[in-house]
Structures are given as C-alpha cells and as structure tokens.
N, C-alpha and C. Protein backbone atom coordinates (compact mmCIF):
# COMPACT_ATOMS: atom_id res chain seq x y z
N MET A 1 0.87 -1.20 0.00
CA MET A 1 -0.01 0.00 -0.01
C MET A 1 0.89 1.23 -0.01
N ASN A 2 0.66 2.14 -0.99
CA ASN A 2 1.46 3.37 -1.01
C ASN A 2 0.96 4.34 0.05
N LEU A 3 1.74 5.38 0.28
CA LEU A 3 1.40 6.29 1.41
C LEU A 3 0.08 7.04 1.16
N ASP A 4 -0.17 7.50 -0.04
CA ASP A 4 -1.41 8.20 -0.32
C ASP A 4 -2.61 7.31 -0.01
N ALA A 5 -2.54 6.06 -0.44
CA ALA A 5 -3.67 5.16 -0.15
C ALA A 5 -3.79 4.92 1.34
N LEU A 6 -2.66 4.79 2.01
CA LEU A 6 -2.69 4.63 3.45
C LEU A 6 -3.29 5.83 4.18
N PHE A 7 -2.90 7.06 3.75
CA PHE A 7 -3.47 8.24 4.34
C PHE A 7 -4.95 8.33 4.13
N ASN A 8 -5.43 7.97 2.94
CA ASN A 8 -6.85 8.00 2.65
C ASN A 8 -7.61 7.01 3.51
N GLU A 9 -7.01 5.84 3.74
CA GLU A 9 -7.66 4.83 4.58
C GLU A 9 -7.78 5.35 6.04
N ILE A 10 -6.71 5.98 6.50
CA ILE A 10 -6.73 6.48 7.90
C ILE A 10 -7.80 7.61 8.05
N VAL A 11 -7.86 8.47 7.03
CA VAL A 11 -8.90 9.52 7.06
C VAL A 11 -10.27 8.90 7.14
N ASP A 12 -10.53 7.92 6.29
CA ASP A 12 -11.87 7.28 6.29
C ASP A 12 -12.24 6.61 7.61
N LEU A 13 -11.19 6.06 8.25
CA LEU A 13 -11.41 5.31 9.49
C LEU A 13 -11.52 6.23 10.72
N TYR A 14 -10.68 7.29 10.77
CA TYR A 14 -10.54 8.04 12.03
C TYR A 14 -10.80 9.52 11.95
N ALA A 15 -11.08 10.03 10.78
CA ALA A 15 -11.15 11.49 10.67
C ALA A 15 -12.37 12.03 9.90
N THR A 16 -13.49 11.39 10.16
CA THR A 16 -14.70 11.84 9.47
C THR A 16 -15.76 12.45 10.39
N ASP A 17 -15.44 12.51 11.68
CA ASP A 17 -16.40 13.09 12.63
C ASP A 17 -16.60 14.57 12.38
N ALA A 18 -17.73 15.08 12.89
CA ALA A 18 -18.08 16.49 12.65
C ALA A 18 -17.08 17.46 13.22
N GLY A 19 -16.40 17.07 14.28
CA GLY A 19 -15.46 17.99 14.94
C GLY A 19 -14.09 18.02 14.32
N VAL A 20 -13.84 17.23 13.25
CA VAL A 20 -12.52 17.20 12.62
C VAL A 20 -12.34 18.40 11.70
N MET A 21 -11.23 19.16 11.93
CA MET A 21 -10.95 20.34 11.16
C MET A 21 -9.90 20.13 10.06
N GLY A 22 -9.14 19.04 10.14
CA GLY A 22 -8.17 18.71 9.15
C GLY A 22 -7.26 17.61 9.67
N CYS A 23 -6.37 17.14 8.79
CA CYS A 23 -5.41 16.14 9.13
C CYS A 23 -4.04 16.43 8.51
N TYR A 24 -2.99 15.96 9.17
CA TYR A 24 -1.68 16.14 8.62
C TYR A 24 -0.72 15.04 9.09
N VAL A 25 0.35 14.84 8.37
CA VAL A 25 1.39 13.89 8.81
C VAL A 25 2.65 14.70 9.13
N SER A 26 3.40 14.15 10.10
CA SER A 26 4.74 14.78 10.41
C SER A 26 5.76 13.68 10.38
N GLY A 27 6.99 14.06 10.76
CA GLY A 27 8.07 13.09 10.79
C GLY A 27 8.48 12.67 9.40
N SER A 28 9.09 11.48 9.29
CA SER A 28 9.69 11.05 8.01
C SER A 28 8.59 10.85 6.98
N ALA A 29 7.34 10.57 7.37
CA ALA A 29 6.25 10.44 6.37
C ALA A 29 6.01 11.75 5.66
N SER A 30 6.42 12.86 6.27
CA SER A 30 6.26 14.17 5.66
C SER A 30 7.48 14.64 4.95
N TYR A 31 8.63 14.65 5.68
CA TYR A 31 9.81 15.28 5.08
C TYR A 31 10.72 14.29 4.34
N GLY A 32 10.32 12.95 4.35
CA GLY A 32 11.09 11.98 3.58
C GLY A 32 12.02 11.17 4.43
N GLY A 33 12.60 10.16 3.84
CA GLY A 33 13.55 9.33 4.50
C GLY A 33 12.91 8.13 5.20
N MET A 34 11.64 7.78 4.87
CA MET A 34 10.98 6.64 5.47
C MET A 34 11.67 5.33 5.02
N THR A 35 11.72 4.35 5.94
CA THR A 35 12.19 3.06 5.64
C THR A 35 10.99 2.11 5.86
N ASP A 36 11.22 0.83 5.63
CA ASP A 36 10.16 -0.18 5.84
C ASP A 36 9.77 -0.30 7.27
N GLU A 37 10.71 0.16 8.16
CA GLU A 37 10.42 0.08 9.60
C GLU A 37 9.86 1.36 10.17
N SER A 38 9.78 2.41 9.38
CA SER A 38 9.34 3.71 9.89
C SER A 38 7.84 3.70 10.26
N ASP A 39 7.53 4.41 11.34
CA ASP A 39 6.13 4.59 11.72
C ASP A 39 5.58 5.79 10.96
N VAL A 40 4.27 5.86 10.93
CA VAL A 40 3.58 7.01 10.40
C VAL A 40 2.98 7.82 11.54
N ASP A 41 3.34 9.08 11.60
CA ASP A 41 2.77 9.97 12.66
C ASP A 41 1.68 10.78 12.01
N PHE A 42 0.43 10.42 12.33
CA PHE A 42 -0.76 11.00 11.71
C PHE A 42 -1.52 11.83 12.74
N TYR A 43 -1.76 13.09 12.44
CA TYR A 43 -2.49 13.95 13.38
C TYR A 43 -3.87 14.34 12.84
N VAL A 44 -4.82 14.29 13.71
CA VAL A 44 -6.18 14.73 13.41
C VAL A 44 -6.48 15.94 14.19
N LEU A 45 -6.70 17.07 13.50
CA LEU A 45 -6.97 18.36 14.20
C LEU A 45 -8.48 18.44 14.49
N THR A 46 -8.81 18.65 15.77
CA THR A 46 -10.24 18.64 16.15
C THR A 46 -10.60 19.93 16.89
N SER A 47 -11.82 20.09 17.12
CA SER A 47 -12.32 21.26 17.87
C SER A 47 -12.30 21.01 19.39
N ASP A 48 -12.44 19.70 19.78
CA ASP A 48 -12.60 19.48 21.21
C ASP A 48 -12.15 18.10 21.70
N TYR A 49 -11.45 17.27 20.87
CA TYR A 49 -11.12 15.92 21.27
C TYR A 49 -9.62 15.72 21.25
N HIS A 50 -9.10 15.05 22.36
CA HIS A 50 -7.68 14.71 22.45
C HIS A 50 -7.59 13.26 22.70
N GLY A 51 -6.86 12.54 21.84
CA GLY A 51 -6.74 11.11 22.01
C GLY A 51 -5.57 10.51 21.25
N PHE A 52 -5.43 9.18 21.43
CA PHE A 52 -4.31 8.48 20.79
C PHE A 52 -4.74 7.07 20.42
N LEU A 53 -4.29 6.57 19.22
CA LEU A 53 -4.57 5.23 18.80
C LEU A 53 -3.34 4.72 18.02
N GLU A 54 -2.99 3.46 18.26
CA GLU A 54 -1.91 2.84 17.52
C GLU A 54 -2.41 1.59 16.85
N ARG A 55 -2.20 1.50 15.55
CA ARG A 55 -2.68 0.36 14.75
C ARG A 55 -1.69 -0.02 13.65
N ILE A 56 -1.79 -1.17 13.12
CA ILE A 56 -1.04 -1.62 12.00
C ILE A 56 -1.89 -1.52 10.77
N HIS A 57 -1.48 -0.75 9.76
CA HIS A 57 -2.21 -0.63 8.52
C HIS A 57 -1.24 -0.88 7.36
N GLY A 58 -1.60 -1.82 6.50
CA GLY A 58 -0.75 -2.12 5.37
C GLY A 58 0.69 -2.49 5.79
N ALA A 59 0.83 -3.28 6.87
CA ALA A 59 2.09 -3.69 7.38
C ALA A 59 2.96 -2.57 7.95
N ARG A 60 2.32 -1.45 8.17
CA ARG A 60 3.05 -0.32 8.75
C ARG A 60 2.37 0.19 10.01
N ARG A 61 3.21 0.43 11.04
CA ARG A 61 2.60 0.94 12.27
C ARG A 61 2.22 2.40 12.14
N VAL A 62 1.01 2.73 12.51
CA VAL A 62 0.51 4.07 12.39
C VAL A 62 0.07 4.57 13.78
N GLU A 63 0.58 5.74 14.16
CA GLU A 63 0.16 6.37 15.38
C GLU A 63 -0.75 7.53 15.04
N VAL A 64 -2.00 7.45 15.48
CA VAL A 64 -2.94 8.51 15.15
C VAL A 64 -3.17 9.28 16.48
N ARG A 65 -2.98 10.60 16.36
CA ARG A 65 -3.17 11.48 17.52
C ARG A 65 -4.24 12.53 17.20
N TRP A 66 -5.25 12.62 17.99
CA TRP A 66 -6.19 13.70 17.90
C TRP A 66 -5.79 14.83 18.79
N ARG A 67 -5.65 16.01 18.30
CA ARG A 67 -5.25 17.19 19.04
C ARG A 67 -6.17 18.34 18.69
N THR A 68 -6.46 19.18 19.70
CA THR A 68 -7.38 20.27 19.47
C THR A 68 -6.63 21.48 18.88
N TYR A 69 -7.38 22.25 18.15
CA TYR A 69 -6.85 23.47 17.56
C TYR A 69 -6.29 24.41 18.65
N ASP A 70 -7.05 24.51 19.79
CA ASP A 70 -6.68 25.48 20.84
C ASP A 70 -5.35 25.01 21.48
N GLU A 71 -5.14 23.72 21.73
CA GLU A 71 -3.93 23.29 22.42
C GLU A 71 -2.72 23.49 21.48
N ILE A 72 -2.89 23.27 20.20
CA ILE A 72 -1.79 23.44 19.28
C ILE A 72 -1.42 24.90 19.12
N THR A 73 -2.44 25.82 18.99
CA THR A 73 -2.13 27.23 18.85
C THR A 73 -1.48 27.78 20.11
N LEU A 74 -1.89 27.30 21.27
CA LEU A 74 -1.30 27.74 22.52
C LEU A 74 0.19 27.30 22.60
N ASP A 75 0.42 26.05 22.21
CA ASP A 75 1.79 25.51 22.20
C ASP A 75 2.69 26.35 21.26
N ILE A 76 2.19 26.62 20.07
CA ILE A 76 2.96 27.41 19.10
C ILE A 76 3.26 28.81 19.67
N SER A 77 2.32 29.44 20.31
CA SER A 77 2.51 30.78 20.85
C SER A 77 3.59 30.78 21.95
N ARG A 78 3.76 29.65 22.64
CA ARG A 78 4.79 29.53 23.66
C ARG A 78 6.16 29.05 23.14
N GLY A 79 6.24 28.75 21.85
CA GLY A 79 7.45 28.22 21.33
C GLY A 79 7.66 26.78 21.67
N GLY A 80 6.58 26.00 21.77
CA GLY A 80 6.67 24.59 22.15
C GLY A 80 7.00 23.67 20.99
N PRO A 81 6.96 22.33 21.23
CA PRO A 81 7.37 21.39 20.20
C PRO A 81 6.56 21.40 18.93
N TYR A 82 5.33 21.94 18.97
CA TYR A 82 4.50 21.96 17.76
C TYR A 82 5.05 22.94 16.75
N VAL A 83 5.90 23.86 17.20
CA VAL A 83 6.52 24.78 16.22
C VAL A 83 7.30 23.97 15.19
N TYR A 84 8.16 23.07 15.65
CA TYR A 84 8.96 22.24 14.72
C TYR A 84 8.12 21.19 14.04
N GLN A 85 7.20 20.61 14.77
CA GLN A 85 6.37 19.56 14.15
C GLN A 85 5.53 20.11 13.00
N LEU A 86 4.93 21.32 13.19
CA LEU A 86 4.10 21.86 12.13
C LEU A 86 4.93 22.37 10.97
N MET A 87 6.14 22.85 11.22
CA MET A 87 7.02 23.28 10.12
C MET A 87 7.43 22.10 9.25
N ASP A 88 7.40 20.92 9.82
CA ASP A 88 7.72 19.68 9.07
C ASP A 88 6.51 18.98 8.52
N ALA A 89 5.31 19.53 8.77
CA ALA A 89 4.04 18.78 8.50
C ALA A 89 3.65 18.92 6.98
N THR A 90 2.89 17.92 6.56
CA THR A 90 2.23 17.95 5.27
C THR A 90 0.77 17.71 5.47
N PRO A 91 -0.09 18.66 5.01
CA PRO A 91 -1.56 18.45 5.14
C PRO A 91 -2.01 17.26 4.35
N VAL A 92 -2.94 16.49 4.87
CA VAL A 92 -3.54 15.38 4.20
C VAL A 92 -4.98 15.70 3.85
N ARG A 93 -5.66 16.32 4.76
CA ARG A 93 -7.03 16.77 4.52
C ARG A 93 -7.15 18.12 5.22
N ASP A 94 -7.48 19.16 4.47
CA ASP A 94 -7.48 20.52 5.01
C ASP A 94 -8.56 21.36 4.30
N PRO A 95 -9.82 21.02 4.49
CA PRO A 95 -10.91 21.69 3.71
C PRO A 95 -10.99 23.18 3.89
N ALA A 96 -10.69 23.68 5.09
CA ALA A 96 -10.81 25.12 5.34
C ALA A 96 -9.45 25.82 5.39
N GLY A 97 -8.33 25.10 5.12
CA GLY A 97 -7.00 25.70 5.21
C GLY A 97 -6.48 25.88 6.58
N THR A 98 -7.10 25.19 7.58
CA THR A 98 -6.71 25.36 8.95
C THR A 98 -5.33 24.82 9.26
N VAL A 99 -4.98 23.70 8.68
CA VAL A 99 -3.67 23.13 8.87
C VAL A 99 -2.58 24.01 8.25
N ASP A 100 -2.89 24.53 7.05
CA ASP A 100 -1.96 25.45 6.40
C ASP A 100 -1.76 26.71 7.28
N GLU A 101 -2.82 27.14 7.91
CA GLU A 101 -2.74 28.34 8.82
C GLU A 101 -1.79 28.02 9.97
N LEU A 102 -1.91 26.84 10.53
CA LEU A 102 -1.03 26.47 11.67
C LEU A 102 0.42 26.32 11.25
N ILE A 103 0.63 25.82 10.02
CA ILE A 103 2.01 25.71 9.52
C ILE A 103 2.61 27.10 9.35
N THR A 104 1.81 28.04 8.81
CA THR A 104 2.29 29.43 8.67
C THR A 104 2.57 30.06 10.02
N ASP A 105 1.67 29.83 10.98
CA ASP A 105 1.86 30.34 12.35
C ASP A 105 3.17 29.84 12.97
N ALA A 106 3.43 28.51 12.76
CA ALA A 106 4.65 27.88 13.34
C ALA A 106 5.89 28.51 12.71
N ARG A 107 5.88 28.71 11.39
CA ARG A 107 7.04 29.30 10.73
C ARG A 107 7.30 30.72 11.16
N GLU A 108 6.20 31.47 11.34
CA GLU A 108 6.36 32.87 11.82
C GLU A 108 6.89 32.95 13.23
N ARG A 109 6.37 31.99 14.04
CA ARG A 109 6.84 31.97 15.46
C ARG A 109 8.34 31.61 15.52
N PHE A 110 8.75 30.61 14.68
CA PHE A 110 10.16 30.25 14.62
C PHE A 110 11.01 31.47 14.21
N ALA A 111 10.56 32.23 13.26
CA ALA A 111 11.32 33.35 12.72
C ALA A 111 11.46 34.47 13.74
N SER A 112 10.37 34.70 14.54
CA SER A 112 10.35 35.85 15.47
C SER A 112 10.63 35.50 16.92
N PHE A 113 10.91 34.25 17.22
CA PHE A 113 10.97 33.81 18.56
C PHE A 113 12.16 34.48 19.33
N SER A 114 11.93 34.75 20.60
CA SER A 114 12.99 35.29 21.44
C SER A 114 12.78 34.79 22.87
N HIS A 115 13.86 34.25 23.47
CA HIS A 115 13.73 33.69 24.84
C HIS A 115 13.66 34.81 25.86
N SER A 116 12.94 34.54 26.92
CA SER A 116 12.85 35.48 28.04
C SER A 116 14.18 35.51 28.79
N ALA A 117 14.38 36.61 29.52
CA ALA A 117 15.57 36.76 30.33
C ALA A 117 15.65 35.62 31.38
N ALA A 118 14.49 35.25 31.90
CA ALA A 118 14.46 34.18 32.93
C ALA A 118 14.92 32.88 32.36
N THR A 119 14.52 32.54 31.12
CA THR A 119 14.96 31.31 30.49
C THR A 119 16.48 31.33 30.26
N ILE A 120 16.97 32.44 29.77
CA ILE A 120 18.40 32.54 29.51
C ILE A 120 19.23 32.42 30.85
N LYS A 121 18.74 33.04 31.90
CA LYS A 121 19.37 32.90 33.21
C LYS A 121 19.37 31.46 33.68
N ASP A 122 18.24 30.79 33.50
CA ASP A 122 18.19 29.37 33.97
C ASP A 122 19.15 28.51 33.22
N VAL A 123 19.23 28.65 31.89
CA VAL A 123 20.18 27.85 31.12
C VAL A 123 21.62 28.22 31.44
N HIS A 124 21.85 29.50 31.60
CA HIS A 124 23.17 30.01 31.97
C HIS A 124 23.63 29.36 33.32
N PHE A 125 22.76 29.33 34.26
CA PHE A 125 23.09 28.74 35.57
C PHE A 125 23.41 27.22 35.43
N ARG A 126 22.54 26.53 34.65
CA ARG A 126 22.74 25.11 34.56
C ARG A 126 23.99 24.72 33.75
N VAL A 127 24.30 25.54 32.73
CA VAL A 127 25.52 25.32 31.95
C VAL A 127 26.74 25.56 32.86
N GLY A 128 26.68 26.63 33.70
CA GLY A 128 27.79 26.89 34.63
C GLY A 128 28.00 25.76 35.61
N GLU A 129 26.94 25.24 36.13
CA GLU A 129 27.01 24.13 37.09
C GLU A 129 27.60 22.90 36.39
N ALA A 130 27.11 22.64 35.12
CA ALA A 130 27.55 21.43 34.41
C ALA A 130 29.08 21.52 34.14
N ARG A 131 29.56 22.68 33.73
CA ARG A 131 30.95 22.73 33.36
C ARG A 131 31.85 22.56 34.55
N MET A 132 31.40 23.05 35.76
CA MET A 132 32.18 22.89 36.95
C MET A 132 32.25 21.42 37.35
N LYS A 133 31.13 20.72 37.26
CA LYS A 133 31.13 19.24 37.62
C LYS A 133 32.02 18.46 36.66
N LEU A 134 31.89 18.78 35.39
CA LEU A 134 32.68 18.03 34.39
C LEU A 134 34.17 18.38 34.57
N ARG A 135 34.49 19.60 34.87
CA ARG A 135 35.88 20.00 35.07
C ARG A 135 36.47 19.24 36.27
N SER A 136 35.68 19.12 37.30
CA SER A 136 36.12 18.41 38.50
C SER A 136 36.39 16.93 38.20
N ALA A 137 35.50 16.30 37.39
CA ALA A 137 35.66 14.92 37.01
C ALA A 137 36.94 14.73 36.18
N ILE A 138 37.23 15.69 35.36
CA ILE A 138 38.44 15.62 34.48
C ILE A 138 39.71 15.74 35.34
N ARG A 139 39.67 16.66 36.30
CA ARG A 139 40.86 16.89 37.15
C ARG A 139 41.14 15.69 38.03
N THR A 140 40.12 15.03 38.48
CA THR A 140 40.30 13.87 39.34
C THR A 140 40.49 12.58 38.54
N GLU A 141 40.45 12.71 37.20
CA GLU A 141 40.62 11.56 36.27
C GLU A 141 39.60 10.50 36.53
N ASN A 142 38.42 10.88 36.89
CA ASN A 142 37.35 9.95 37.14
C ASN A 142 36.64 9.72 35.83
N THR A 143 37.10 8.74 35.02
CA THR A 143 36.58 8.52 33.68
C THR A 143 35.12 8.02 33.66
N GLY A 144 34.79 7.25 34.68
CA GLY A 144 33.40 6.80 34.74
C GLY A 144 32.42 7.94 34.93
N LEU A 145 32.78 8.84 35.88
CA LEU A 145 31.94 10.03 36.10
C LEU A 145 31.92 10.93 34.88
N GLN A 146 33.05 11.05 34.17
CA GLN A 146 33.13 11.88 32.99
C GLN A 146 32.11 11.39 31.94
N ALA A 147 32.13 10.07 31.71
CA ALA A 147 31.21 9.50 30.70
C ALA A 147 29.75 9.71 31.15
N TYR A 148 29.48 9.53 32.44
CA TYR A 148 28.09 9.73 32.93
C TYR A 148 27.66 11.19 32.72
N LEU A 149 28.51 12.10 33.08
CA LEU A 149 28.15 13.55 32.94
C LEU A 149 28.01 13.90 31.48
N CYS A 150 28.86 13.44 30.60
CA CYS A 150 28.73 13.75 29.22
C CYS A 150 27.34 13.25 28.66
N GLY A 151 26.90 12.07 29.19
CA GLY A 151 25.62 11.58 28.80
C GLY A 151 24.46 12.44 29.21
N ILE A 152 24.47 12.81 30.48
CA ILE A 152 23.32 13.55 31.00
C ILE A 152 23.30 15.05 30.57
N TYR A 153 24.49 15.56 30.15
CA TYR A 153 24.58 16.96 29.75
C TYR A 153 24.40 17.20 28.24
N THR A 154 24.19 16.09 27.48
CA THR A 154 23.96 16.25 26.04
C THR A 154 22.78 17.13 25.76
N GLU A 155 21.66 16.85 26.40
CA GLU A 155 20.45 17.64 26.19
C GLU A 155 20.64 19.09 26.57
N LEU A 156 21.30 19.34 27.68
CA LEU A 156 21.57 20.70 28.15
C LEU A 156 22.41 21.48 27.17
N LEU A 157 23.41 20.83 26.58
CA LEU A 157 24.26 21.49 25.65
C LEU A 157 23.45 21.91 24.39
N LEU A 158 22.58 21.02 23.91
CA LEU A 158 21.71 21.38 22.76
C LEU A 158 20.77 22.47 23.12
N ASP A 159 20.19 22.39 24.34
CA ASP A 159 19.29 23.47 24.80
C ASP A 159 19.99 24.83 24.71
N ALA A 160 21.25 24.83 25.21
CA ALA A 160 21.99 26.15 25.25
C ALA A 160 22.24 26.65 23.86
N VAL A 161 22.50 25.74 22.92
CA VAL A 161 22.72 26.18 21.49
C VAL A 161 21.48 26.85 20.98
N PHE A 162 20.30 26.26 21.18
CA PHE A 162 19.04 26.83 20.67
C PHE A 162 18.76 28.14 21.42
N VAL A 163 19.00 28.23 22.66
CA VAL A 163 18.79 29.45 23.42
C VAL A 163 19.70 30.58 22.91
N MET A 164 20.93 30.23 22.67
CA MET A 164 21.88 31.22 22.18
C MET A 164 21.44 31.90 20.91
N VAL A 165 20.83 31.13 19.99
CA VAL A 165 20.39 31.71 18.74
C VAL A 165 18.94 32.12 18.71
N ASN A 166 18.32 32.18 19.93
CA ASN A 166 16.93 32.64 20.07
C ASN A 166 15.91 31.84 19.26
N LYS A 167 16.05 30.52 19.31
CA LYS A 167 15.06 29.65 18.66
C LYS A 167 14.45 28.72 19.72
N PRO A 168 13.22 28.29 19.54
CA PRO A 168 12.57 27.38 20.50
C PRO A 168 13.45 26.17 20.72
N VAL A 169 13.52 25.68 21.96
CA VAL A 169 14.30 24.53 22.29
C VAL A 169 13.65 23.32 21.64
N ALA A 170 14.45 22.49 21.01
CA ALA A 170 13.96 21.22 20.42
C ALA A 170 14.60 20.03 21.10
N ARG A 171 13.90 18.93 21.13
CA ARG A 171 14.37 17.73 21.82
C ARG A 171 14.71 16.58 20.90
N GLY A 172 15.63 15.76 21.33
CA GLY A 172 15.92 14.51 20.65
C GLY A 172 16.26 14.66 19.19
N THR A 173 15.67 13.80 18.35
CA THR A 173 15.95 13.79 16.91
C THR A 173 15.49 15.09 16.28
N THR A 174 14.49 15.76 16.85
CA THR A 174 14.04 17.05 16.31
C THR A 174 15.16 18.07 16.36
N ALA A 175 15.90 18.07 17.47
CA ALA A 175 17.01 19.00 17.63
C ALA A 175 18.06 18.82 16.52
N TRP A 176 18.40 17.55 16.28
CA TRP A 176 19.41 17.23 15.28
C TRP A 176 18.88 17.61 13.86
N ARG A 177 17.61 17.40 13.62
CA ARG A 177 17.08 17.72 12.29
C ARG A 177 17.12 19.25 12.03
N TRP A 178 16.96 20.07 13.07
CA TRP A 178 16.88 21.50 12.86
C TRP A 178 18.17 22.26 13.12
N LEU A 179 19.18 21.59 13.70
CA LEU A 179 20.44 22.26 13.99
C LEU A 179 21.01 22.97 12.76
N HIS A 180 20.99 22.29 11.60
CA HIS A 180 21.60 22.88 10.40
C HIS A 180 20.85 24.06 9.86
N GLN A 181 19.61 24.30 10.40
CA GLN A 181 18.85 25.47 9.95
C GLN A 181 18.83 26.60 10.99
N LEU A 182 19.65 26.46 12.00
CA LEU A 182 19.71 27.55 13.00
C LEU A 182 20.56 28.68 12.50
N PRO A 183 20.05 29.90 12.58
CA PRO A 183 20.87 31.09 12.21
C PRO A 183 22.01 31.23 13.18
N GLY A 184 23.19 31.57 12.65
CA GLY A 184 24.35 31.81 13.51
C GLY A 184 25.19 30.53 13.74
N LEU A 185 24.71 29.38 13.30
CA LEU A 185 25.47 28.16 13.45
C LEU A 185 26.08 27.81 12.09
N THR A 186 27.36 27.99 11.92
CA THR A 186 28.01 27.81 10.68
C THR A 186 28.19 26.35 10.35
N PRO A 187 28.47 25.99 9.07
CA PRO A 187 28.69 24.56 8.75
C PRO A 187 29.87 23.99 9.51
N GLU A 188 30.88 24.84 9.78
CA GLU A 188 32.00 24.35 10.57
C GLU A 188 31.58 24.08 12.00
N GLY A 189 30.77 24.95 12.55
CA GLY A 189 30.26 24.78 13.88
C GLY A 189 29.40 23.53 14.01
N LEU A 190 28.56 23.28 13.02
CA LEU A 190 27.71 22.07 13.02
C LEU A 190 28.56 20.83 12.93
N ALA A 191 29.63 20.86 12.06
CA ALA A 191 30.50 19.70 11.89
C ALA A 191 31.21 19.42 13.21
N HIS A 192 31.68 20.46 13.89
CA HIS A 192 32.39 20.33 15.13
C HIS A 192 31.47 19.68 16.22
N LEU A 193 30.18 20.17 16.24
CA LEU A 193 29.25 19.66 17.20
C LEU A 193 28.91 18.21 16.91
N THR A 194 28.76 17.91 15.63
CA THR A 194 28.52 16.51 15.25
C THR A 194 29.65 15.60 15.62
N GLU A 195 30.89 16.08 15.46
CA GLU A 195 32.06 15.32 15.84
C GLU A 195 32.02 14.97 17.31
N LEU A 196 31.63 15.94 18.11
CA LEU A 196 31.55 15.72 19.56
C LEU A 196 30.65 14.52 19.88
N PHE A 197 29.44 14.55 19.28
CA PHE A 197 28.47 13.50 19.67
C PHE A 197 28.69 12.17 18.92
N GLN A 198 29.62 12.15 18.00
CA GLN A 198 29.97 10.87 17.41
C GLN A 198 31.05 10.14 18.24
N ARG A 199 31.65 10.84 19.18
CA ARG A 199 32.66 10.22 20.01
C ARG A 199 31.98 9.35 21.09
N PRO A 200 32.70 8.28 21.56
CA PRO A 200 32.17 7.50 22.68
C PRO A 200 32.04 8.40 23.91
N LEU A 201 31.14 8.10 24.78
CA LEU A 201 30.94 8.91 25.96
C LEU A 201 32.17 9.10 26.81
N ASP A 202 33.02 8.05 26.86
CA ASP A 202 34.21 8.14 27.68
C ASP A 202 35.37 8.90 27.03
N ASP A 203 35.06 9.44 25.77
CA ASP A 203 36.11 10.24 25.12
C ASP A 203 35.62 11.62 24.74
N ARG A 204 34.53 12.09 25.44
CA ARG A 204 33.92 13.40 25.07
C ARG A 204 34.30 14.52 26.06
N ALA A 205 34.74 14.15 27.22
CA ALA A 205 34.80 15.12 28.34
C ALA A 205 35.57 16.39 28.01
N PRO A 206 36.83 16.36 27.53
CA PRO A 206 37.56 17.62 27.28
C PRO A 206 36.83 18.48 26.26
N MET A 207 36.35 17.84 25.19
CA MET A 207 35.67 18.61 24.12
C MET A 207 34.33 19.20 24.59
N MET A 208 33.60 18.43 25.41
CA MET A 208 32.34 18.93 25.93
C MET A 208 32.59 20.04 26.98
N GLU A 209 33.65 19.91 27.79
CA GLU A 209 33.94 20.99 28.74
C GLU A 209 34.25 22.28 27.98
N ALA A 210 34.98 22.17 26.87
CA ALA A 210 35.28 23.39 26.07
C ALA A 210 34.03 24.01 25.53
N TYR A 211 33.07 23.17 25.07
CA TYR A 211 31.80 23.68 24.56
C TYR A 211 31.03 24.37 25.64
N LEU A 212 30.97 23.74 26.81
CA LEU A 212 30.21 24.34 27.93
C LEU A 212 30.83 25.66 28.37
N ASN A 213 32.16 25.74 28.35
CA ASN A 213 32.81 27.00 28.71
C ASN A 213 32.46 28.08 27.69
N GLN A 214 32.49 27.70 26.43
CA GLN A 214 32.19 28.69 25.38
C GLN A 214 30.74 29.16 25.50
N LEU A 215 29.80 28.19 25.71
CA LEU A 215 28.40 28.60 25.83
C LEU A 215 28.16 29.41 27.04
N HIS A 216 28.83 29.09 28.11
CA HIS A 216 28.61 29.87 29.37
C HIS A 216 29.07 31.32 29.14
N GLY A 217 30.20 31.51 28.48
CA GLY A 217 30.63 32.85 28.19
C GLY A 217 29.71 33.59 27.25
N ALA A 218 29.19 32.90 26.21
CA ALA A 218 28.27 33.52 25.29
C ALA A 218 26.96 33.89 25.98
N LEU A 219 26.47 33.02 26.87
CA LEU A 219 25.22 33.34 27.57
C LEU A 219 25.43 34.48 28.57
N THR A 220 26.62 34.56 29.15
CA THR A 220 26.92 35.67 30.03
C THR A 220 26.83 36.99 29.28
N ALA A 221 27.44 36.98 28.09
CA ALA A 221 27.41 38.18 27.26
C ALA A 221 25.95 38.53 26.84
N LYS A 222 25.18 37.52 26.57
CA LYS A 222 23.79 37.66 26.11
C LYS A 222 22.97 38.33 27.22
N LEU A 223 23.21 37.91 28.47
CA LEU A 223 22.48 38.48 29.63
C LEU A 223 22.86 39.95 29.85
N LYS A 224 24.02 40.38 29.43
CA LYS A 224 24.48 41.74 29.69
C LYS A 224 23.97 42.75 28.63
N ARG A 225 23.36 42.20 27.56
CA ARG A 225 22.97 43.12 26.49
C ARG A 225 21.71 43.90 26.89
C-alpha cells in the first residue's frame, strides 16, 4: 500500500467526525527518509477531542493522535514542540485551510522567537554548574563520572545552543534535524558539534567541557545586552 492510499484509509477510518478540522502527517512520512520500519505519525486536528490510537495498517505501524486546535495554537505561541512539528508537516485533509494556517503560524513563530531573560538565566546557571562538575571529574581523572556527565549533559548542551540563537528549544531527533537550519550556526560549527556527539561517551569530556565553557561565556554576554 502506497502512502497516499494509506493516508486516505486512515482519514476514512478516524477523521470523518463532525469535529474534525483537518489532518496532517509529520516526521519522516512528511519530510522523507522513510524506511520499511518507519512509523507514520498522523495527526487529526479537532475542535474538542484529544486522544491516541496505535494500529497496523498495510504492514506499517500508524500512530494516530487527535489534538485540538486550541492546544496546538497555545503551544505554538509559547514556542513549544509543535513549532517544529508543524514546520515539518504535510496536510492530508485541510478543507478550510486550517492546517496550512497552523504551519504558517509555526514558521512565523520560529522566525520571530525570542527567549525570556528568565529562560536565559536558567540555562546559563545550569551550563555553569555542568561545566564545573565536568571540570572536577576531568581533574580527578574519574573517567566513569566523565562518561556519565557527558551523557546527561547532552540535552543541556543542545538546549543552550538553541537558546543562544533565540530559537525554540527542540528535543531529541528534532533538535538534530533542525540544527543545520539555526541562524548563526556555521557549517564548521555544526560539523564540530556533530564530531563531539559521534565520540564515545568516555572520550567526550575535554571537548564537551570546552563547549560548555564557550556557551557559558556567550550566555553571560547575552544576559548583559
């Protein structure tokens, strides 16, 4: 079963109620790169229903999520994860253009987003604390602790990168997908960051400490502006 046929089947089964405003797909089903093992992330935009269903259709696992228009627009306004999800989305059924409207809103929010001073201060503090703990583990030659800290500080380092360039924080694979589109992050910078995370955890500490020091200094300067 091809994807278009699969999408039509899902619409017929799960998206014909009166409260449905539109449907879209996100993830690899939208931006490409699907494999035989890839799931389909299918969203049904509703006026008042929130739910989840997982089924196998055409030998492919499909996750259907019903989400309300209000919760998505609120998340976008706050710079939440739907900013990135909607920018990656492809409408499947959109009779009134509501999905296209949300995609436009997400792109505009991404372009104009700015972190609050409180958020910058919080990330600045956490980066400062992280670099001191990692520095101590390096000085005491505690390789086990170094590997552990490098693991738990991966997310923080990526958070700090997104905060530095005033873009909504992205998690997990979403962060990696959007890193190359962040303003201010050069191809050389992206390659260097990629190199860091390709190293084994027990070989990252000096490079990660240098990154945390650099980000702490940049966030300090950002707070002073």
